[in-house]
């Protein structure tokens, strides 16, 4: 630089102008070196690394490449060049060094951030990540790292020891607690959720208070993301899963069965004792033939033993159409391919209401998938609604316009007949 300065002065250039031009030449040379170094690292070195990682099929190589850790690392090279050439500007060396150090620290923080993201991505490739997610803990580490990085940057710019800043932060602990309140609550909630295995990624949860009804797709430090069945996303605060109640369907999904609990309302006016013709008809029903024969023998033996007078149907024991229908449903569920035969099955009567007698079917499908479950349930109730009249039973339904029209037509017809 001194030789260039002397050469410019010898050519008749003013000393001050020569100083200015020589400085500009120095800056140009440093800038050119930075561009060349950046080009070499990004276009040559990083390409070689990417090629090596791709060709060797390194297990986590693609994740590291996607997070651009090496590309961010290359930004340090120009900063190091500027740092080493800072002594060529004695009057500004102090500020140049501070700026270069600050930039290097920021780049290092970006690299650490990408590295932690890569760690989370790699961890998610394992099944245990659905049971014990670590994203919340990684976010805590990021907060700590960025706080430490910020303290180092400020202390570097101020020329003071980081210990002095840390002592000042201790006095502001109440303010810091207020700023990071949600993060601290989220950290505590994350630890409790993981330790107690309350939720996992992929769990179906219901939380009406927050409008959440779907699968968990992400558990982070402050929030839990739920993808609802209409494909919308609901964000629930992590701490809310500790402080509020919610329903987790995981146990149902892992049990191998999904519960059906639905009644058929029978019109009580259609309930009656079975006649001989009805009993003979029921004997021809595949699922009931053995039941009818056994029940008929049992009732006859009981009535004979107790000398019951069967001239009146009220006396003794007798089969009813509702009882036979209940037995048919039980046998039907036992033989249905969509019902889990290892889990509870029950056909029970509930308390009569103004809608008739509820005959509740309680069973579990052998497939927990929603569409399959609904298909099996619909198939069962389609059949039961269709066969109920075969037992002399009517399914209750409030009168409709069709019923009223038929009643009116019957009334008109009867009136016409009586007039004629």
Protein backbone atom coordinates (compact mmCIF):
# COMPACT_ATOMS: atom_id res chain seq x y z
CA UNK A 1 0.00 0.00 0.00
CA UNK A 2 2.92 2.35 0.78
CA UNK A 3 4.45 1.61 -2.64
CA UNK A 4 1.14 2.45 -4.34
CA UNK A 5 0.88 5.65 -2.32
CA UNK A 6 4.44 6.69 -3.33
CA UNK A 7 3.75 5.84 -6.97
CA UNK A 8 0.62 7.99 -6.99
CA UNK A 9 2.49 10.92 -5.43
CA UNK A 10 5.33 10.55 -7.97
CA UNK A 11 2.75 10.85 -10.77
CA UNK A 12 1.86 14.24 -9.35
CA UNK A 13 -1.22 13.35 -7.35
CA UNK A 14 -2.01 15.38 -4.27
CA UNK A 15 -0.95 13.67 -1.03
CA UNK A 16 -4.44 13.73 0.48
CA UNK A 17 -6.01 12.46 -2.71
CA UNK A 18 -3.31 9.75 -2.89
CA UNK A 19 -4.18 8.73 0.68
CA UNK A 20 -7.86 8.51 -0.22
CA UNK A 21 -7.22 6.54 -3.43
CA UNK A 22 -4.85 4.11 -1.70
CA UNK A 23 -7.47 3.48 0.99
CA UNK A 24 -10.09 2.82 -1.69
CA UNK A 25 -7.68 0.43 -3.42
CA UNK A 26 -7.18 -1.39 -0.09
CA UNK A 27 -10.92 -1.66 0.40
CA UNK A 28 -11.30 -2.91 -3.16
CA UNK A 29 -8.62 -5.55 -2.71
CA UNK A 30 -10.20 -6.76 0.58
CA UNK A 31 -13.66 -6.83 -1.02
CA UNK A 32 -12.26 -8.78 -3.98
CA UNK A 33 -10.61 -11.26 -1.60
CA UNK A 34 -13.91 -11.69 0.29
CA UNK A 35 -15.81 -12.30 -2.97
CA UNK A 36 -13.22 -14.81 -4.17
CA UNK A 37 -13.16 -16.61 -0.80
CA UNK A 38 -16.97 -16.70 -0.65
CA UNK A 39 -17.10 -18.02 -4.24
CA UNK A 40 -14.54 -20.74 -3.50
CA UNK A 41 -16.30 -21.90 -0.32
CA UNK A 42 -19.84 -21.89 -1.80
CA UNK A 43 -19.21 -22.99 -5.37
CA UNK A 44 -16.35 -25.41 -4.81
CA UNK A 45 -15.95 -26.55 -1.21
CA UNK A 46 -19.67 -26.83 -0.40
CA UNK A 47 -20.41 -28.52 -3.73
CA UNK A 48 -17.71 -31.09 -2.99
CA UNK A 49 -19.21 -31.70 0.46
CA UNK A 50 -22.76 -31.97 -0.98
CA UNK A 51 -21.56 -34.37 -3.67
CA UNK A 52 -19.75 -36.50 -1.10
CA UNK A 53 -22.77 -36.64 1.23
CA UNK A 54 -25.14 -37.49 -1.64
CA UNK A 55 -22.94 -40.21 -3.11
CA UNK A 56 -22.12 -41.91 0.19
CA UNK A 57 -25.84 -42.11 1.12
CA UNK A 58 -25.08 -40.79 4.58
CA UNK A 59 -28.11 -41.56 6.76
CA UNK A 60 -28.77 -37.99 7.91
CA UNK A 61 -26.90 -36.21 5.12
CA UNK A 62 -29.99 -34.91 3.33
CA UNK A 63 -31.37 -33.40 6.53
CA UNK A 64 -28.07 -31.58 7.19
CA UNK A 65 -28.00 -30.33 3.60
CA UNK A 66 -31.61 -29.14 3.76
CA UNK A 67 -30.83 -27.09 6.85
CA UNK A 68 -27.86 -25.46 4.96
CA UNK A 69 -25.44 -25.76 7.86
CA UNK A 70 -22.34 -25.76 5.62
CA UNK A 71 -23.64 -22.87 3.52
CA UNK A 72 -24.13 -20.73 6.63
CA UNK A 73 -20.71 -21.77 7.87
CA UNK A 74 -19.18 -20.33 4.69
CA UNK A 75 -20.28 -16.81 5.74
CA UNK A 76 -17.55 -16.81 8.40
CA UNK A 77 -14.76 -16.78 5.79
CA UNK A 78 -15.29 -13.16 4.54
CA UNK A 79 -15.60 -11.98 8.17
CA UNK A 80 -12.28 -13.62 9.06
CA UNK A 81 -10.59 -11.91 6.08
CA UNK A 82 -11.93 -8.52 7.16
CA UNK A 83 -10.85 -9.22 10.74
CA UNK A 84 -7.28 -10.10 9.67
CA UNK A 85 -6.97 -7.03 7.39
CA UNK A 86 -8.34 -4.64 10.01
CA UNK A 87 -4.81 -3.55 11.01
CA UNK A 88 -4.40 -1.94 7.59
CA UNK A 89 -6.84 0.72 8.83
CA UNK A 90 -5.27 1.75 12.17
CA UNK A 91 -7.68 4.64 12.75
CA UNK A 92 -10.74 2.42 12.31
CA UNK A 93 -9.33 -0.92 13.40
CA UNK A 94 -11.23 -0.92 16.68
CA UNK A 95 -14.66 -0.60 15.04
CA UNK A 96 -13.82 -2.96 12.19
CA UNK A 97 -12.77 -5.66 14.68
CA UNK A 98 -16.00 -5.18 16.67
CA UNK A 99 -18.14 -5.34 13.53
CA UNK A 100 -16.35 -8.49 12.29
CA UNK A 101 -16.62 -10.21 15.68
CA UNK A 102 -20.33 -9.30 15.92
CA UNK A 103 -20.97 -10.69 12.45
CA UNK A 104 -19.07 -13.91 13.27
CA UNK A 105 -21.11 -14.37 16.46
CA UNK A 106 -24.38 -13.84 14.56
CA UNK A 107 -23.32 -16.40 11.93
CA UNK A 108 -22.39 -18.87 14.69
CA UNK A 109 -25.83 -18.38 16.26
CA UNK A 110 -27.46 -19.06 12.88
CA UNK A 111 -25.35 -22.23 12.51
CA UNK A 112 -26.33 -23.43 16.00
CA UNK A 113 -30.00 -22.71 15.18
CA UNK A 114 -29.77 -24.78 11.97
CA UNK A 115 -27.91 -27.54 13.78
CA UNK A 116 -30.58 -27.78 16.47
CA UNK A 117 -33.29 -27.87 13.79
CA UNK A 118 -31.39 -30.68 12.08
CA UNK A 119 -31.19 -32.56 15.40
CA UNK A 120 -34.98 -32.26 15.75
CA UNK A 121 -35.50 -33.43 12.15
CA UNK A 122 -33.21 -36.42 12.70
CA UNK A 123 -34.97 -37.28 15.97
CA UNK A 124 -38.34 -37.21 14.18
CA UNK A 125 -37.20 -40.05 11.91
CA UNK A 126 -37.46 -42.37 14.94
CA UNK A 127 -40.78 -43.72 16.26
CA UNK A 128 -39.98 -42.57 19.80
CA UNK A 129 -40.34 -38.96 18.61
CA UNK A 130 -44.13 -39.45 18.53
CA UNK A 131 -44.09 -40.55 22.16
CA UNK A 132 -41.47 -38.14 23.52
CA UNK A 133 -41.08 -35.07 21.25
CA UNK A 134 -38.07 -32.85 21.98
CA UNK A 135 -39.00 -29.73 20.01
CA UNK A 136 -39.96 -27.88 23.20
CA UNK A 137 -36.61 -28.64 24.80
CA UNK A 138 -34.76 -27.58 21.65
CA UNK A 139 -36.63 -24.29 21.70
CA UNK A 140 -35.51 -23.77 25.31
CA UNK A 141 -31.90 -24.43 24.28
CA UNK A 142 -32.30 -21.92 21.43
CA UNK A 143 -33.58 -19.26 23.82
CA UNK A 144 -30.61 -19.83 26.15
CA UNK A 145 -28.12 -19.81 23.26
CA UNK A 146 -29.55 -16.61 21.75
CA UNK A 147 -29.57 -14.91 25.15
CA UNK A 148 -25.92 -15.83 25.71
CA UNK A 149 -25.08 -14.76 22.14
CA UNK A 150 -26.84 -11.43 22.67
CA UNK A 151 -24.93 -10.85 25.90
CA UNK A 152 -21.59 -11.61 24.19
CA UNK A 153 -22.42 -9.24 21.28
CA UNK A 154 -23.41 -6.41 23.61
CA UNK A 155 -20.35 -6.92 25.82
CA UNK A 156 -18.13 -6.99 22.71
CA UNK A 157 -19.58 -3.73 21.40
CA UNK A 158 -19.33 -2.11 24.83
CA UNK A 159 -15.87 -3.51 25.52
CA UNK A 160 -17.02 -4.84 28.88
CA UNK A 161 -16.91 -8.29 30.46
CA UNK A 162 -20.07 -10.44 29.97
CA UNK A 163 -20.07 -11.02 33.75
CA UNK A 164 -21.04 -7.38 34.31
CA UNK A 165 -24.05 -7.74 32.02
CA UNK A 166 -25.05 -11.01 33.68
CA UNK A 167 -25.04 -9.30 37.09
CA UNK A 168 -27.31 -6.60 35.69
CA UNK A 169 -29.66 -9.20 34.24
CA UNK A 170 -29.99 -10.74 37.71
CA UNK A 171 -31.55 -7.49 38.89
CA UNK A 172 -34.02 -7.65 36.00
CA UNK A 173 -35.03 -11.23 36.73
CA UNK A 174 -38.65 -10.23 37.47
CA UNK A 175 -38.93 -8.49 34.10
CA UNK A 176 -37.34 -11.48 32.36
CA UNK A 177 -39.78 -13.85 34.11
CA UNK A 178 -42.65 -11.70 32.84
CA UNK A 179 -41.31 -11.64 29.27
CA UNK A 180 -40.72 -15.39 29.15
CA UNK A 181 -43.80 -16.34 31.19
CA UNK A 182 -45.44 -18.30 28.35
CA UNK A 183 -42.17 -20.06 27.53
CA UNK A 184 -41.63 -21.08 31.15
CA UNK A 185 -45.21 -22.33 31.48
CA UNK A 186 -44.80 -24.16 28.18
CA UNK A 187 -41.56 -25.77 29.39
CA UNK A 188 -43.22 -27.00 32.60
CA UNK A 189 -46.23 -28.25 30.62
CA UNK A 190 -43.98 -29.99 28.10
CA UNK A 191 -42.13 -31.83 30.85
CA UNK A 192 -45.41 -32.94 32.47
CA UNK A 193 -46.99 -33.97 29.17
CA UNK A 194 -43.92 -36.03 28.24
CA UNK A 195 -43.33 -37.52 31.68
CA UNK A 196 -46.97 -38.58 32.08
CA UNK A 197 -47.33 -39.59 28.40
CA UNK A 198 -50.49 -37.50 28.13
CA UNK A 199 -50.23 -36.64 24.43
CA UNK A 200 -48.13 -37.73 21.48
CA UNK A 201 -47.77 -36.58 17.90
CA UNK A 202 -50.52 -38.36 15.95
CA UNK A 203 -52.97 -38.57 18.87
CA UNK A 204 -56.60 -37.67 18.21
CA UNK A 205 -57.74 -35.21 20.88
CA UNK A 206 -60.94 -33.28 21.53
CA UNK A 207 -60.84 -29.91 23.28
CA UNK A 208 -64.15 -28.08 22.65
CA UNK A 209 -63.00 -24.99 24.56
CA UNK A 210 -60.40 -24.29 21.87
CA UNK A 211 -62.34 -25.79 18.95
CA UNK A 212 -59.82 -28.63 18.61
CA UNK A 213 -61.00 -31.99 17.28
CA UNK A 214 -58.35 -33.81 15.29
CA UNK A 215 -54.80 -35.16 15.20
CA UNK A 216 -51.81 -33.56 16.90
CA UNK A 217 -49.22 -32.69 14.25
CA UNK A 218 -46.71 -30.77 16.37
CA UNK A 219 -45.82 -30.27 20.02
CA UNK A 220 -43.60 -27.24 20.64
CA UNK A 221 -42.54 -25.17 23.62
CA UNK A 222 -45.55 -22.84 23.69
CA UNK A 223 -48.17 -24.50 21.51
CA UNK A 224 -49.66 -27.79 20.40
CA UNK A 225 -50.89 -27.81 16.79
CA UNK A 226 -54.01 -29.86 16.07
CA UNK A 227 -55.16 -30.58 12.52
CA UNK A 228 -58.94 -30.83 12.69
CA UNK A 229 -60.88 -33.25 10.50
CA UNK A 230 -61.93 -30.36 8.23
CA UNK A 231 -58.18 -29.79 7.62
CA UNK A 232 -58.10 -26.54 9.61
CA UNK A 233 -55.34 -26.02 12.17
CA UNK A 234 -56.10 -25.19 15.80
CA UNK A 235 -53.28 -23.94 18.02
CA UNK A 236 -53.69 -24.84 21.68
CA UNK A 237 -51.37 -23.44 24.39
CA UNK A 238 -49.23 -26.24 25.83
CA UNK A 239 -50.11 -25.25 29.37
CA UNK A 240 -53.85 -25.55 28.56
CA UNK A 241 -53.41 -29.33 28.23
CA UNK A 242 -52.34 -29.34 31.89
CA UNK A 243 -54.77 -26.79 33.31
CA UNK A 244 -57.88 -27.78 31.27
CA UNK A 245 -59.47 -31.14 30.51
CA UNK A 246 -59.40 -32.77 27.09
CA UNK A 247 -60.25 -36.15 25.57
CA UNK A 248 -57.51 -38.30 24.06
CA UNK A 249 -58.69 -41.10 21.74
CA UNK A 250 -55.31 -42.88 21.66
CA UNK A 251 -56.43 -45.71 23.96
CA UNK A 252 -59.35 -46.42 21.62
CA UNK A 253 -57.06 -46.45 18.59
CA UNK A 254 -54.63 -48.87 20.22
CA UNK A 255 -57.32 -51.11 21.71
CA UNK A 256 -58.37 -52.56 18.36
CA UNK A 257 -62.04 -51.68 18.81
CA UNK A 258 -64.26 -48.61 18.57
CA UNK A 259 -67.44 -48.45 20.58
CA UNK A 260 -70.95 -48.42 19.16
CA UNK A 261 -73.56 -47.19 21.62
CA UNK A 262 -76.82 -46.36 19.91
CA UNK A 263 -80.48 -47.23 20.67
CA UNK A 264 -83.40 -48.20 18.47
CA UNK A 265 -86.68 -46.77 19.79
CA UNK A 266 -89.44 -49.38 19.65
CA UNK A 267 -93.09 -48.33 19.65
CA UNK A 268 -94.43 -49.89 22.88
CA UNK A 269 -97.85 -50.43 21.25
CA UNK A 270 -96.25 -53.05 18.98
CA UNK A 271 -94.83 -55.14 21.86
CA UNK A 272 -96.82 -58.35 22.41
CA UNK A 273 -96.65 -62.04 23.33
CA UNK A 274 -95.57 -64.40 20.56
CA UNK A 275 -98.35 -66.42 18.94
CA UNK A 276 -97.90 -69.97 17.68
CA UNK A 277 -97.62 -68.70 14.11
CA UNK A 278 -94.95 -66.21 15.14
CA UNK A 279 -92.96 -68.90 16.95
CA UNK A 280 -93.07 -71.16 13.90
CA UNK A 281 -91.95 -68.26 11.75
CA UNK A 282 -89.07 -67.47 14.10
CA UNK A 283 -87.88 -71.08 13.96
CA UNK A 284 -87.05 -70.57 10.29
CA UNK A 285 -84.75 -67.64 11.04
CA UNK A 286 -81.16 -68.86 10.87
CA UNK A 287 -79.87 -67.16 14.02
CA UNK A 288 -82.98 -67.98 16.09
CA UNK A 289 -83.83 -71.62 15.37
CA UNK A 290 -81.75 -73.06 18.22
CA UNK A 291 -82.73 -70.25 20.58
CA UNK A 292 -86.48 -70.70 19.94
CA UNK A 293 -86.34 -74.48 20.42
CA UNK A 294 -84.34 -74.14 23.66
CA UNK A 295 -86.48 -71.28 25.00
CA UNK A 296 -89.74 -73.07 24.10
CA UNK A 297 -88.60 -76.20 25.94
CA UNK A 298 -87.44 -74.16 28.95
CA UNK A 299 -90.75 -72.25 29.20
CA UNK A 300 -92.87 -75.37 28.76
CA UNK A 301 -90.90 -77.19 31.47
CA UNK A 302 -91.27 -74.23 33.86
CA UNK A 303 -94.99 -73.86 33.30
CA UNK A 304 -95.58 -77.58 33.62
CA UNK A 305 -93.50 -77.82 36.80
CA UNK A 306 -95.39 -74.95 38.40
CA UNK A 307 -98.78 -76.08 37.02
CA UNK A 308 -99.42 -72.79 35.30
CA UNK A 309 -102.78 -72.32 33.64
CA UNK A 310 -101.94 -71.11 30.14
CA UNK A 311 -105.54 -70.41 29.18
CA UNK A 312 -104.70 -66.84 30.12
CA UNK A 313 -101.49 -65.44 28.55
CA UNK A 314 -100.78 -63.43 31.66
CA UNK A 315 -100.07 -66.59 33.64
CA UNK A 316 -96.64 -68.17 33.65
CA UNK A 317 -93.83 -67.54 31.24
CA UNK A 318 -94.10 -66.80 27.52
CA UNK A 319 -91.95 -65.41 24.76
CA UNK A 320 -92.44 -61.83 23.61
CA UNK A 321 -91.58 -60.38 20.24
CA UNK A 322 -89.30 -57.77 21.85
CA UNK A 323 -87.41 -60.51 23.77
CA UNK A 324 -86.97 -62.60 20.62
CA UNK A 325 -85.84 -59.50 18.71
CA UNK A 326 -83.27 -58.77 21.44
CA UNK A 327 -81.99 -62.35 21.21
CA UNK A 328 -81.79 -62.03 17.42
CA UNK A 329 -79.70 -58.85 17.66
CA UNK A 330 -77.32 -60.57 20.13
CA UNK A 331 -76.83 -63.53 17.76
CA UNK A 332 -76.50 -61.18 14.79
CA UNK A 333 -73.69 -59.22 16.50
CA UNK A 334 -71.95 -62.48 17.47
CA UNK A 335 -71.80 -63.47 13.82
CA UNK A 336 -71.10 -60.07 12.26
CA UNK A 337 -67.60 -59.89 10.65
CA UNK A 338 -67.18 -56.23 11.57
CA UNK A 339 -67.63 -56.70 15.34
CA UNK A 340 -64.73 -57.30 17.75
CA UNK A 341 -65.73 -60.53 19.49
CA UNK A 342 -63.12 -60.09 22.25
CA UNK A 343 -64.72 -56.93 23.61
CA UNK A 344 -67.98 -56.23 25.45
CA UNK A 345 -71.22 -56.87 23.60
CA UNK A 346 -74.62 -56.09 25.00
CA UNK A 347 -78.21 -55.52 23.84
CA UNK A 348 -80.11 -53.87 26.67
CA UNK A 349 -83.36 -52.05 27.38
CA UNK A 350 -83.16 -48.53 28.72
CA UNK A 351 -85.81 -46.59 30.58
CA UNK A 352 -88.88 -46.03 28.38
CA UNK A 353 -89.36 -42.48 27.17
CA UNK A 354 -92.00 -40.58 25.24
CA UNK A 355 -90.26 -41.90 22.12
CA UNK A 356 -90.90 -45.52 23.05
CA UNK A 357 -88.69 -48.25 24.48
CA UNK A 358 -84.95 -47.71 23.75
CA UNK A 359 -83.22 -50.97 22.76
CA UNK A 360 -79.55 -50.06 22.96
CA UNK A 361 -76.81 -51.85 21.00
CA UNK A 362 -73.48 -51.74 22.84
CA UNK A 363 -70.56 -53.30 20.94
CA UNK A 364 -67.14 -52.55 19.44
CA UNK A 365 -66.09 -52.63 15.80
CA UNK A 366 -62.89 -54.50 14.97
CA UNK A 367 -61.53 -51.58 12.92
CA UNK A 368 -60.89 -48.19 14.54
CA UNK A 369 -60.68 -46.27 11.26
CA UNK A 370 -63.45 -43.70 11.20
CA UNK A 371 -64.85 -44.50 7.73
CA UNK A 372 -64.80 -48.27 8.35
CA UNK A 373 -66.38 -47.86 11.78
CA UNK A 374 -69.22 -45.74 10.40
CA UNK A 375 -69.75 -48.23 7.56
CA UNK A 376 -70.01 -51.18 9.97
CA UNK A 377 -72.36 -49.29 12.29
CA UNK A 378 -74.58 -48.18 9.42
CA UNK A 379 -74.65 -51.73 8.02
CA UNK A 380 -75.85 -53.10 11.37
CA UNK A 381 -78.58 -50.52 11.89
CA UNK A 382 -79.72 -50.70 8.26
CA UNK A 383 -80.37 -54.38 8.83
CA UNK A 384 -82.08 -53.95 12.21
CA UNK A 385 -84.44 -51.26 10.96
CA UNK A 386 -85.37 -53.50 8.03
CA UNK A 387 -86.00 -56.69 10.08
CA UNK A 388 -87.87 -55.12 13.01
CA UNK A 389 -91.29 -55.49 11.24
CA UNK A 390 -90.60 -59.23 10.80
CA UNK A 391 -90.93 -59.50 14.60
CA UNK A 392 -94.17 -57.55 14.66
CA UNK A 393 -92.39 -54.48 16.00
CA UNK A 394 -92.61 -50.88 14.86
CA UNK A 395 -89.71 -48.47 15.14
CA UNK A 396 -90.92 -45.25 16.75
CA UNK A 397 -91.07 -42.11 14.64
CA UNK A 398 -92.92 -38.87 15.26
CA UNK A 399 -95.84 -38.34 12.88
CA UNK A 400 -94.89 -36.71 9.60
CA UNK A 401 -96.91 -34.96 6.93
CA UNK A 402 -97.15 -38.29 5.12
CA UNK A 403 -98.77 -39.93 8.18
CA UNK A 404 -101.24 -37.07 8.62
CA UNK A 405 -102.16 -37.18 4.94
CA UNK A 406 -102.81 -40.93 5.10
CA UNK A 407 -104.95 -40.50 8.25
CA UNK A 408 -106.96 -37.76 6.53
CA UNK A 409 -107.45 -39.90 3.40
CA UNK A 410 -108.63 -42.85 5.53
CA UNK A 411 -111.08 -40.59 7.31
CA UNK A 412 -112.45 -39.25 4.03
CA UNK A 413 -112.77 -42.78 2.61
CA UNK A 414 -114.61 -44.03 5.66
CA UNK A 415 -116.94 -41.04 5.54
CA UNK A 416 -117.65 -41.72 1.86
CA UNK A 417 -118.38 -45.38 2.55
CA UNK A 418 -120.79 -44.54 5.39
CA UNK A 419 -122.62 -42.01 3.18
CA UNK A 420 -123.03 -44.50 0.35
